[in-house]
Structures are given as structure tokens and as C-alpha cells.
Amino acid sequence: MDEKTVIATILGMTLVTCVPRIAPLVALASRTLPEPVVRWLSYVPTAVLSAMLFPSLVLREGAFDFSTENFFLWASIPAIILAWRTRSFFGTVALGMALVALGRHFLG
């Protein structure tokens, strides 16, 4: 590829990435959203993270894996409970990592 094509591609990718992020900020900067909308939007990060994380917990090589060797799935259960009860991000991550490490050390 020549230099002009590379630069045009980079500029196009920048535009496609930045416009959807900046447009809502500009359009909603001087407005107050209704309370139900704000409450609904507060669930978006959790829903997106869950949708990204769930397949990596239950799928191995394209098939569901609920076996005892799936340390990630079984470590996620107490971690999810801790997150739900304490709302502690770092505590949840630390517990999940510790449980996976212990599972790998003692079970395989």
C-alpha cells in the first residue's frame, strides 16, 4: 500500500471511532436526562462486560464446558457473589485470580 492509502485508512478509522463517542457528548452536554434513562444507562457497562465475559467462562474449543477442569467458570461463582455483596472491583479480581491459581495448583 502506498502512503496516501495508509493515511486515508488511519483518518477514516479515526473518524469512525471518534464520531460515535463524541456525538452523544456534544448533543447531550447541556441537557438533563430523565431519571429512568439515567437508571437504564447505569446498567449498560455491566451488561456489556457480562456479554463479553460469559463466553470465555463457559465455552472451550467451541463447546460448553461445565467440567471440574474449567477453573475459570468455578472461580467466577464465588467472585460474582463477592462482587454482588461488596461491590469491590479489586477484591473480586483478587479473589478470582487466587481461586484460579489455587485450582491450577491443587487440581491440575
C-alpha atoms as a PDB file:
ATOM      1  CA  MET A   1       0.000   0.000   0.000  1.00  0.00           C
ATOM      2  CA  ASP A   2       1.181   3.466  -0.730  1.00  0.00           C
ATOM      3  CA  GLU A   3       1.489   6.219   1.849  1.00  0.00           C
ATOM      4  CA  LYS A   4      -1.718   8.031   0.818  1.00  0.00           C
ATOM      5  CA  THR A   5      -3.790   4.880   1.269  1.00  0.00           C
ATOM      6  CA  VAL A   6      -2.331   4.271   4.722  1.00  0.00           C
ATOM      7  CA  ILE A   7      -3.005   7.863   5.827  1.00  0.00           C
ATOM      8  CA  ALA A   8      -6.546   7.784   4.394  1.00  0.00           C
ATOM      9  CA  THR A   9      -7.196   4.494   6.207  1.00  0.00           C
ATOM     10  CA  ILE A  10      -5.925   5.876   9.512  1.00  0.00           C
ATOM     11  CA  LEU A  11      -8.015   9.046   9.151  1.00  0.00           C
ATOM     12  CA  GLY A  12     -11.102   7.026   8.217  1.00  0.00           C
ATOM     13  CA  MET A  13     -10.661   4.709  11.195  1.00  0.00           C
ATOM     14  CA  THR A  14     -10.179   7.721  13.470  1.00  0.00           C
ATOM     15  CA  LEU A  15     -13.390   9.285  12.190  1.00  0.00           C
ATOM     16  CA  VAL A  16     -15.394   6.082  12.556  1.00  0.00           C
ATOM     17  CA  THR A  17     -14.083   5.596  16.102  1.00  0.00           C
ATOM     18  CA  CYS A  18     -14.383   9.161  17.386  1.00  0.00           C
ATOM     19  CA  VAL A  19     -17.714  10.327  15.933  1.00  0.00           C
ATOM     20  CA  PRO A  20     -19.909   7.807  17.807  1.00  0.00           C
ATOM     21  CA  ARG A  21     -18.152   8.722  21.047  1.00  0.00           C
ATOM     22  CA  ILE A  22     -18.118  12.492  20.649  1.00  0.00           C
ATOM     23  CA  ALA A  23     -21.595  12.973  19.128  1.00  0.00           C
ATOM     24  CA  PRO A  24     -23.539  11.991  22.292  1.00  0.00           C
ATOM     25  CA  LEU A  25     -21.291  14.194  24.428  1.00  0.00           C
ATOM     26  CA  VAL A  26     -21.896  17.191  22.209  1.00  0.00           C
ATOM     27  CA  ALA A  27     -25.633  16.511  21.788  1.00  0.00           C
ATOM     28  CA  LEU A  28     -26.318  15.870  25.492  1.00  0.00           C
ATOM     29  CA  ALA A  29     -23.834  18.234  27.165  1.00  0.00           C
ATOM     30  CA  SER A  30     -26.394  20.905  28.032  1.00  0.00           C
ATOM     31  CA  ARG A  31     -29.352  18.582  28.713  1.00  0.00           C
ATOM     32  CA  THR A  32     -30.530  16.668  31.738  1.00  0.00           C
ATOM     33  CA  LEU A  33     -31.720  13.169  31.008  1.00  0.00           C
ATOM     34  CA  PRO A  34     -34.856  11.795  32.665  1.00  0.00           C
ATOM     35  CA  GLU A  35     -34.236   9.604  35.726  1.00  0.00           C
ATOM     36  CA  PRO A  36     -35.461   6.349  34.076  1.00  0.00           C
ATOM     37  CA  VAL A  37     -32.991   6.874  31.211  1.00  0.00           C
ATOM     38  CA  VAL A  38     -30.118   7.539  33.624  1.00  0.00           C
ATOM     39  CA  ARG A  39     -31.044   4.436  35.637  1.00  0.00           C
ATOM     40  CA  TRP A  40     -31.251   2.338  32.459  1.00  0.00           C
ATOM     41  CA  LEU A  41     -27.887   3.644  31.221  1.00  0.00           C
ATOM     42  CA  SER A  42     -26.265   2.691  34.530  1.00  0.00           C
ATOM     43  CA  TYR A  43     -26.783  -0.988  33.621  1.00  0.00           C
ATOM     44  CA  VAL A  44     -25.052  -0.746  30.235  1.00  0.00           C
ATOM     45  CA  PRO A  45     -21.435  -1.262  31.440  1.00  0.00           C
ATOM     46  CA  THR A  46     -22.402  -4.330  33.480  1.00  0.00           C
ATOM     47  CA  ALA A  47     -24.390  -5.805  30.605  1.00  0.00           C
ATOM     48  CA  VAL A  48     -21.572  -5.252  28.095  1.00  0.00           C
ATOM     49  CA  LEU A  49     -18.929  -6.710  30.413  1.00  0.00           C
ATOM     50  CA  SER A  50     -21.129  -9.725  31.135  1.00  0.00           C
ATOM     51  CA  ALA A  51     -21.752 -10.328  27.441  1.00  0.00           C
ATOM     52  CA  MET A  52     -18.012 -10.213  26.763  1.00  0.00           C
ATOM     53  CA  LEU A  53     -17.038 -12.382  29.735  1.00  0.00           C
ATOM     54  CA  PHE A  54     -19.685 -15.128  29.671  1.00  0.00           C
ATOM     55  CA  PRO A  55     -18.456 -16.965  26.533  1.00  0.00           C
ATOM     56  CA  SER A  56     -14.920 -17.180  27.891  1.00  0.00           C
ATOM     57  CA  LEU A  57     -16.241 -18.781  31.084  1.00  0.00           C
ATOM     58  CA  VAL A  58     -18.440 -21.495  29.589  1.00  0.00           C
ATOM     59  CA  LEU A  59     -17.000 -22.240  26.138  1.00  0.00           C
ATOM     60  CA  ARG A  60     -13.881 -24.311  25.458  1.00  0.00           C
ATOM     61  CA  GLU A  61     -12.986 -25.143  21.861  1.00  0.00           C
ATOM     62  CA  GLY A  62     -16.456 -24.148  20.672  1.00  0.00           C
ATOM     63  CA  ALA A  63     -18.386 -26.362  23.102  1.00  0.00           C
ATOM     64  CA  PHE A  64     -19.906 -25.790  26.522  1.00  0.00           C
ATOM     65  CA  ASP A  65     -17.576 -26.917  29.303  1.00  0.00           C
ATOM     66  CA  PHE A  66     -19.005 -27.323  32.784  1.00  0.00           C
ATOM     67  CA  SER A  67     -16.385 -29.826  33.898  1.00  0.00           C
ATOM     68  CA  THR A  68     -14.320 -29.560  37.066  1.00  0.00           C
ATOM     69  CA  GLU A  69     -11.286 -28.681  34.944  1.00  0.00           C
ATOM     70  CA  ASN A  70     -12.828 -25.365  33.891  1.00  0.00           C
ATOM     71  CA  PHE A  71     -11.191 -23.354  36.695  1.00  0.00           C
ATOM     72  CA  PHE A  72     -12.353 -20.041  35.261  1.00  0.00           C
ATOM     73  CA  LEU A  73     -16.028 -20.980  35.486  1.00  0.00           C
ATOM     74  CA  TRP A  74     -15.861 -22.344  39.015  1.00  0.00           C
ATOM     75  CA  ALA A  75     -13.691 -19.471  40.275  1.00  0.00           C
ATOM     76  CA  SER A  76     -16.147 -16.982  38.809  1.00  0.00           C
ATOM     77  CA  ILE A  77     -19.040 -18.170  41.002  1.00  0.00           C
ATOM     78  CA  PRO A  78     -17.602 -17.026  44.381  1.00  0.00           C
ATOM     79  CA  ALA A  79     -16.138 -13.958  42.664  1.00  0.00           C
ATOM     80  CA  ILE A  80     -19.567 -12.974  41.324  1.00  0.00           C
ATOM     81  CA  ILE A  81     -21.079 -13.443  44.785  1.00  0.00           C
ATOM     82  CA  LEU A  82     -18.337 -11.288  46.337  1.00  0.00           C
ATOM     83  CA  ALA A  83     -18.857  -8.595  43.689  1.00  0.00           C
ATOM     84  CA  TRP A  84     -22.598  -8.612  44.258  1.00  0.00           C
ATOM     85  CA  ARG A  85     -22.264  -8.348  48.037  1.00  0.00           C
ATOM     86  CA  THR A  86     -19.346  -5.911  48.386  1.00  0.00           C
ATOM     87  CA  ARG A  87     -19.240  -4.054  45.035  1.00  0.00           C
ATOM     88  CA  SER A  88     -15.442  -4.258  45.344  1.00  0.00           C
ATOM     89  CA  PHE A  89     -13.758  -4.447  41.951  1.00  0.00           C
ATOM     90  CA  PHE A  90     -10.262  -5.151  43.268  1.00  0.00           C
ATOM     91  CA  GLY A  91     -11.472  -7.636  45.866  1.00  0.00           C
ATOM     92  CA  THR A  92     -13.398  -9.518  43.181  1.00  0.00           C
ATOM     93  CA  VAL A  93     -10.424  -9.632  40.821  1.00  0.00           C
ATOM     94  CA  ALA A  94      -8.085 -10.715  43.628  1.00  0.00           C
ATOM     95  CA  LEU A  95     -10.453 -13.486  44.741  1.00  0.00           C
ATOM     96  CA  GLY A  96     -10.945 -14.736  41.170  1.00  0.00           C
ATOM     97  CA  MET A  97      -7.201 -14.800  40.497  1.00  0.00           C
ATOM     98  CA  ALA A  98      -6.484 -16.542  43.793  1.00  0.00           C
ATOM     99  CA  LEU A  99      -9.124 -19.197  43.165  1.00  0.00           C
ATOM    100  CA  VAL A 100      -7.839 -19.918  39.652  1.00  0.00           C
ATOM    101  CA  ALA A 101      -4.267 -20.129  40.960  1.00  0.00           C
ATOM    102  CA  LEU A 102      -5.313 -22.475  43.766  1.00  0.00           C
ATOM    103  CA  GLY A 103      -7.359 -24.617  41.393  1.00  0.00           C
ATOM    104  CA  ARG A 104      -4.472 -24.957  38.972  1.00  0.00           C
ATOM    105  CA  HIS A 105      -2.017 -25.708  41.776  1.00  0.00           C
ATOM    106  CA  PHE A 106      -4.066 -28.330  43.584  1.00  0.00           C
ATOM    107  CA  LEU A 107      -6.209 -29.758  40.800  1.00  0.00           C
ATOM    108  CA  GLY A 108      -4.129 -29.664  37.744  1.00  0.00           C
END
